[in-house]
Amino acid sequence: GAELPQGLRAIAERIPGAVKDVRGPGLMVGLELGDALGPGSAKRLSEASARHGLLLLNTSVFENVRFIPPLNITSDALQDGLMRFERALRQVAKEAPGARA
């Protein structure tokens, strides 16, 4: 269960300011997006992730997304999902208000 949060923290380190926090037990993990991404970032990230083939759950009014993969997910499938998420997060960070091209 540690592979998902560890992978998300590693992505957060590679994209400074995009992620404020990674939290949650086991495979049910929440990710709080950084202020640098601007308002509506969770919705934009969910949409970008879907375009990359990854479904995320965004949470009501908060700039958070939830990861809830199946309990029997393989390590390869999890790594593939992390790769797709990182691509989507980079896209949203690049398009954020005040981002440098």
N, C-alpha and C. Protein backbone atom coordinates (compact mmCIF):
# COMPACT_ATOMS: atom_id res chain seq x y z
N GLY A 1 0.79 -1.20 0.00
CA GLY A 1 0.00 0.00 0.00
C GLY A 1 0.84 1.27 0.00
N ALA A 2 2.15 1.16 0.19
CA ALA A 2 3.00 2.36 0.27
C ALA A 2 3.44 2.85 -1.10
N GLU A 3 3.31 2.01 -2.13
CA GLU A 3 3.82 2.38 -3.45
C GLU A 3 3.10 3.60 -4.04
N LEU A 4 1.79 3.69 -3.85
CA LEU A 4 1.04 4.82 -4.40
C LEU A 4 1.42 6.14 -3.74
N PRO A 5 1.34 6.26 -2.40
CA PRO A 5 1.72 7.55 -1.81
C PRO A 5 3.19 7.90 -2.05
N GLN A 6 4.07 6.92 -2.04
CA GLN A 6 5.48 7.20 -2.32
C GLN A 6 5.66 7.72 -3.74
N GLY A 7 4.96 7.11 -4.68
CA GLY A 7 5.05 7.55 -6.07
C GLY A 7 4.51 8.96 -6.25
N LEU A 8 3.41 9.27 -5.56
CA LEU A 8 2.84 10.61 -5.65
C LEU A 8 3.76 11.66 -5.02
N ARG A 9 4.39 11.31 -3.91
CA ARG A 9 5.34 12.24 -3.28
C ARG A 9 6.54 12.49 -4.19
N ALA A 10 7.00 11.46 -4.88
CA ALA A 10 8.12 11.63 -5.81
C ALA A 10 7.73 12.56 -6.96
N ILE A 11 6.52 12.41 -7.46
CA ILE A 11 6.03 13.30 -8.52
C ILE A 11 5.96 14.73 -7.99
N ALA A 12 5.46 14.89 -6.77
CA ALA A 12 5.35 16.23 -6.16
C ALA A 12 6.71 16.91 -6.07
N GLU A 13 7.74 16.15 -5.78
CA GLU A 13 9.09 16.72 -5.69
C GLU A 13 9.59 17.16 -7.06
N ARG A 14 9.17 16.47 -8.11
CA ARG A 14 9.63 16.80 -9.47
C ARG A 14 8.87 17.98 -10.07
N ILE A 15 7.71 18.34 -9.48
CA ILE A 15 6.92 19.46 -10.00
C ILE A 15 6.66 20.41 -8.83
N PRO A 16 7.65 21.23 -8.46
CA PRO A 16 7.54 22.10 -7.28
C PRO A 16 6.30 23.01 -7.33
N GLY A 17 5.62 23.09 -6.19
CA GLY A 17 4.47 23.96 -6.04
C GLY A 17 3.15 23.38 -6.51
N ALA A 18 3.19 22.24 -7.20
CA ALA A 18 1.95 21.66 -7.74
C ALA A 18 1.16 20.88 -6.69
N VAL A 19 1.86 20.33 -5.70
CA VAL A 19 1.22 19.48 -4.69
C VAL A 19 1.54 20.01 -3.31
N LYS A 20 0.49 20.20 -2.53
CA LYS A 20 0.67 20.67 -1.15
C LYS A 20 0.81 19.51 -0.17
N ASP A 21 0.05 18.42 -0.40
CA ASP A 21 0.08 17.30 0.55
C ASP A 21 -0.43 16.03 -0.11
N VAL A 22 0.12 14.90 0.33
CA VAL A 22 -0.35 13.57 -0.05
C VAL A 22 -0.71 12.87 1.25
N ARG A 23 -1.94 12.36 1.35
CA ARG A 23 -2.34 11.73 2.61
C ARG A 23 -3.38 10.65 2.38
N GLY A 24 -3.47 9.76 3.35
CA GLY A 24 -4.48 8.71 3.31
C GLY A 24 -3.87 7.35 3.54
N PRO A 25 -4.71 6.43 3.98
CA PRO A 25 -4.24 5.07 4.28
C PRO A 25 -4.22 4.17 3.05
N GLY A 26 -3.22 3.34 2.94
CA GLY A 26 -3.17 2.31 1.90
C GLY A 26 -3.37 2.84 0.50
N LEU A 27 -4.33 2.26 -0.21
CA LEU A 27 -4.57 2.64 -1.60
C LEU A 27 -5.61 3.74 -1.75
N MET A 28 -6.20 4.21 -0.66
CA MET A 28 -7.15 5.32 -0.74
C MET A 28 -6.38 6.58 -0.35
N VAL A 29 -5.92 7.31 -1.37
CA VAL A 29 -4.99 8.41 -1.14
C VAL A 29 -5.58 9.70 -1.68
N GLY A 30 -5.46 10.76 -0.89
CA GLY A 30 -5.87 12.09 -1.32
C GLY A 30 -4.66 12.94 -1.61
N LEU A 31 -4.79 13.81 -2.57
CA LEU A 31 -3.70 14.70 -2.95
C LEU A 31 -4.25 16.12 -2.96
N GLU A 32 -3.66 16.97 -2.13
CA GLU A 32 -4.06 18.38 -2.08
C GLU A 32 -3.17 19.16 -3.03
N LEU A 33 -3.79 19.87 -3.95
CA LEU A 33 -3.02 20.60 -4.96
C LEU A 33 -2.50 21.91 -4.41
N GLY A 34 -1.37 22.34 -4.93
CA GLY A 34 -0.73 23.57 -4.50
C GLY A 34 -1.47 24.80 -4.99
N ASP A 35 -1.33 25.88 -4.25
CA ASP A 35 -1.98 27.14 -4.60
C ASP A 35 -1.50 27.69 -5.95
N ALA A 36 -0.29 27.34 -6.34
CA ALA A 36 0.27 27.84 -7.59
C ALA A 36 -0.54 27.42 -8.81
N LEU A 37 -1.32 26.34 -8.68
CA LEU A 37 -2.12 25.87 -9.81
C LEU A 37 -3.39 26.69 -10.01
N GLY A 38 -3.76 27.47 -9.00
CA GLY A 38 -4.91 28.36 -9.12
C GLY A 38 -6.24 27.68 -8.84
N PRO A 39 -7.30 28.50 -8.77
CA PRO A 39 -8.63 27.97 -8.51
C PRO A 39 -9.10 27.06 -9.65
N GLY A 40 -9.84 26.04 -9.29
CA GLY A 40 -10.36 25.10 -10.28
C GLY A 40 -9.35 24.07 -10.74
N SER A 41 -8.21 24.00 -10.05
CA SER A 41 -7.15 23.09 -10.49
C SER A 41 -7.54 21.62 -10.37
N ALA A 42 -8.33 21.26 -9.37
CA ALA A 42 -8.73 19.86 -9.23
C ALA A 42 -9.58 19.42 -10.42
N LYS A 43 -10.48 20.29 -10.84
CA LYS A 43 -11.33 19.97 -12.00
C LYS A 43 -10.47 19.86 -13.26
N ARG A 44 -9.57 20.83 -13.44
CA ARG A 44 -8.70 20.79 -14.62
C ARG A 44 -7.81 19.55 -14.62
N LEU A 45 -7.32 19.17 -13.44
CA LEU A 45 -6.46 17.98 -13.35
C LEU A 45 -7.27 16.71 -13.62
N SER A 46 -8.48 16.64 -13.11
CA SER A 46 -9.33 15.46 -13.39
C SER A 46 -9.59 15.34 -14.89
N GLU A 47 -9.86 16.46 -15.54
CA GLU A 47 -10.10 16.45 -16.98
C GLU A 47 -8.85 16.06 -17.76
N ALA A 48 -7.71 16.62 -17.37
CA ALA A 48 -6.44 16.29 -18.05
C ALA A 48 -6.09 14.82 -17.83
N SER A 49 -6.31 14.33 -16.63
CA SER A 49 -6.03 12.92 -16.33
C SER A 49 -6.89 12.00 -17.19
N ALA A 50 -8.16 12.36 -17.34
CA ALA A 50 -9.06 11.55 -18.17
C ALA A 50 -8.55 11.50 -19.62
N ARG A 51 -8.05 12.64 -20.11
CA ARG A 51 -7.50 12.66 -21.48
C ARG A 51 -6.27 11.76 -21.59
N HIS A 52 -5.59 11.53 -20.47
CA HIS A 52 -4.41 10.65 -20.45
C HIS A 52 -4.78 9.22 -20.07
N GLY A 53 -6.09 8.94 -19.95
CA GLY A 53 -6.54 7.58 -19.66
C GLY A 53 -6.57 7.20 -18.20
N LEU A 54 -6.64 8.19 -17.30
CA LEU A 54 -6.66 7.93 -15.86
C LEU A 54 -7.84 8.67 -15.25
N LEU A 55 -8.71 7.95 -14.55
CA LEU A 55 -9.85 8.57 -13.90
C LEU A 55 -9.52 8.90 -12.46
N LEU A 56 -9.73 10.17 -12.09
CA LEU A 56 -9.52 10.65 -10.72
C LEU A 56 -10.84 11.18 -10.19
N LEU A 57 -10.98 11.18 -8.88
CA LEU A 57 -12.16 11.77 -8.24
C LEU A 57 -11.75 13.10 -7.65
N ASN A 58 -12.37 14.20 -8.10
CA ASN A 58 -12.10 15.46 -7.43
C ASN A 58 -13.12 15.63 -6.31
N THR A 59 -12.79 16.44 -5.31
CA THR A 59 -13.63 16.58 -4.13
C THR A 59 -14.31 17.92 -4.14
N SER A 60 -15.57 17.95 -3.97
CA SER A 60 -16.43 19.12 -3.85
C SER A 60 -15.74 20.45 -4.15
N VAL A 61 -15.61 21.32 -3.17
CA VAL A 61 -15.08 22.67 -3.38
C VAL A 61 -13.58 22.77 -3.11
N PHE A 62 -12.97 21.72 -2.64
CA PHE A 62 -11.55 21.76 -2.29
C PHE A 62 -10.70 21.37 -3.48
N GLU A 63 -9.49 21.88 -3.52
CA GLU A 63 -8.55 21.57 -4.61
C GLU A 63 -7.81 20.28 -4.26
N ASN A 64 -8.57 19.20 -4.20
CA ASN A 64 -8.04 17.87 -3.87
C ASN A 64 -8.54 16.87 -4.90
N VAL A 65 -7.74 15.85 -5.13
CA VAL A 65 -8.18 14.72 -5.93
C VAL A 65 -7.93 13.45 -5.12
N ARG A 66 -8.72 12.42 -5.42
CA ARG A 66 -8.60 11.16 -4.70
C ARG A 66 -8.22 10.05 -5.66
N PHE A 67 -7.36 9.19 -5.19
CA PHE A 67 -6.97 7.99 -5.91
C PHE A 67 -7.56 6.81 -5.16
N ILE A 68 -8.35 6.00 -5.85
CA ILE A 68 -8.92 4.81 -5.22
C ILE A 68 -8.80 3.65 -6.22
N PRO A 69 -7.58 3.13 -6.40
CA PRO A 69 -7.40 2.02 -7.35
C PRO A 69 -7.95 0.72 -6.75
N PRO A 70 -8.17 -0.27 -7.59
CA PRO A 70 -8.64 -1.56 -7.07
C PRO A 70 -7.59 -2.17 -6.13
N LEU A 71 -8.06 -2.90 -5.15
CA LEU A 71 -7.15 -3.50 -4.17
C LEU A 71 -6.20 -4.51 -4.81
N ASN A 72 -6.60 -5.08 -5.95
CA ASN A 72 -5.74 -6.08 -6.60
C ASN A 72 -4.91 -5.50 -7.74
N ILE A 73 -4.68 -4.18 -7.73
CA ILE A 73 -3.88 -3.55 -8.78
C ILE A 73 -2.45 -4.09 -8.75
N THR A 74 -1.90 -4.31 -9.93
CA THR A 74 -0.52 -4.78 -10.00
C THR A 74 0.43 -3.59 -9.90
N SER A 75 1.66 -3.86 -9.56
CA SER A 75 2.67 -2.81 -9.49
C SER A 75 2.86 -2.16 -10.86
N ASP A 76 2.83 -2.95 -11.92
CA ASP A 76 2.99 -2.39 -13.27
C ASP A 76 1.84 -1.45 -13.60
N ALA A 77 0.62 -1.84 -13.28
CA ALA A 77 -0.53 -0.98 -13.55
C ALA A 77 -0.47 0.29 -12.72
N LEU A 78 -0.03 0.18 -11.48
CA LEU A 78 0.10 1.36 -10.62
C LEU A 78 1.15 2.31 -11.17
N GLN A 79 2.28 1.79 -11.60
CA GLN A 79 3.32 2.63 -12.18
C GLN A 79 2.83 3.31 -13.47
N ASP A 80 2.05 2.59 -14.26
CA ASP A 80 1.48 3.18 -15.47
C ASP A 80 0.54 4.33 -15.10
N GLY A 81 -0.27 4.13 -14.07
CA GLY A 81 -1.17 5.20 -13.62
C GLY A 81 -0.41 6.41 -13.11
N LEU A 82 0.67 6.19 -12.37
CA LEU A 82 1.48 7.29 -11.87
C LEU A 82 2.10 8.08 -13.03
N MET A 83 2.53 7.36 -14.06
CA MET A 83 3.11 8.02 -15.23
C MET A 83 2.05 8.90 -15.92
N ARG A 84 0.84 8.37 -16.07
CA ARG A 84 -0.24 9.13 -16.69
C ARG A 84 -0.59 10.36 -15.84
N PHE A 85 -0.62 10.16 -14.51
CA PHE A 85 -0.92 11.28 -13.61
C PHE A 85 0.14 12.36 -13.72
N GLU A 86 1.40 11.98 -13.76
CA GLU A 86 2.47 12.98 -13.84
C GLU A 86 2.36 13.79 -15.14
N ARG A 87 2.03 13.14 -16.22
CA ARG A 87 1.85 13.87 -17.48
C ARG A 87 0.72 14.89 -17.36
N ALA A 88 -0.39 14.46 -16.76
CA ALA A 88 -1.54 15.37 -16.61
C ALA A 88 -1.20 16.52 -15.67
N LEU A 89 -0.52 16.23 -14.56
CA LEU A 89 -0.15 17.27 -13.61
C LEU A 89 0.81 18.28 -14.24
N ARG A 90 1.75 17.80 -15.02
CA ARG A 90 2.68 18.71 -15.72
C ARG A 90 1.91 19.63 -16.67
N GLN A 91 0.93 19.07 -17.36
CA GLN A 91 0.13 19.87 -18.28
C GLN A 91 -0.64 20.95 -17.53
N VAL A 92 -1.28 20.59 -16.42
CA VAL A 92 -2.05 21.57 -15.64
C VAL A 92 -1.12 22.62 -15.04
N ALA A 93 0.05 22.22 -14.57
CA ALA A 93 1.00 23.17 -13.99
C ALA A 93 1.50 24.14 -15.07
N LYS A 94 1.72 23.63 -16.26
CA LYS A 94 2.21 24.48 -17.36
C LYS A 94 1.15 25.51 -17.77
N GLU A 95 -0.11 25.13 -17.67
CA GLU A 95 -1.22 26.01 -18.08
C GLU A 95 -1.75 26.87 -16.93
N ALA A 96 -1.18 26.73 -15.72
CA ALA A 96 -1.67 27.47 -14.55
C ALA A 96 -1.45 28.97 -14.72
N PRO A 97 -2.32 29.76 -14.09
CA PRO A 97 -2.13 31.23 -14.14
C PRO A 97 -0.73 31.61 -13.62
N GLY A 98 -0.03 32.39 -14.35
CA GLY A 98 1.30 32.84 -13.92
C GLY A 98 2.41 31.84 -14.19
N ALA A 99 2.10 30.71 -14.85
CA ALA A 99 3.13 29.71 -15.14
C ALA A 99 4.05 30.22 -16.23
N ARG A 100 5.29 29.80 -16.16
CA ARG A 100 6.26 30.15 -17.20
C ARG A 100 6.22 29.09 -18.27
N ALA A 101 6.18 29.49 -19.50
CA ALA A 101 6.09 28.53 -20.62
C ALA A 101 7.38 27.80 -20.84
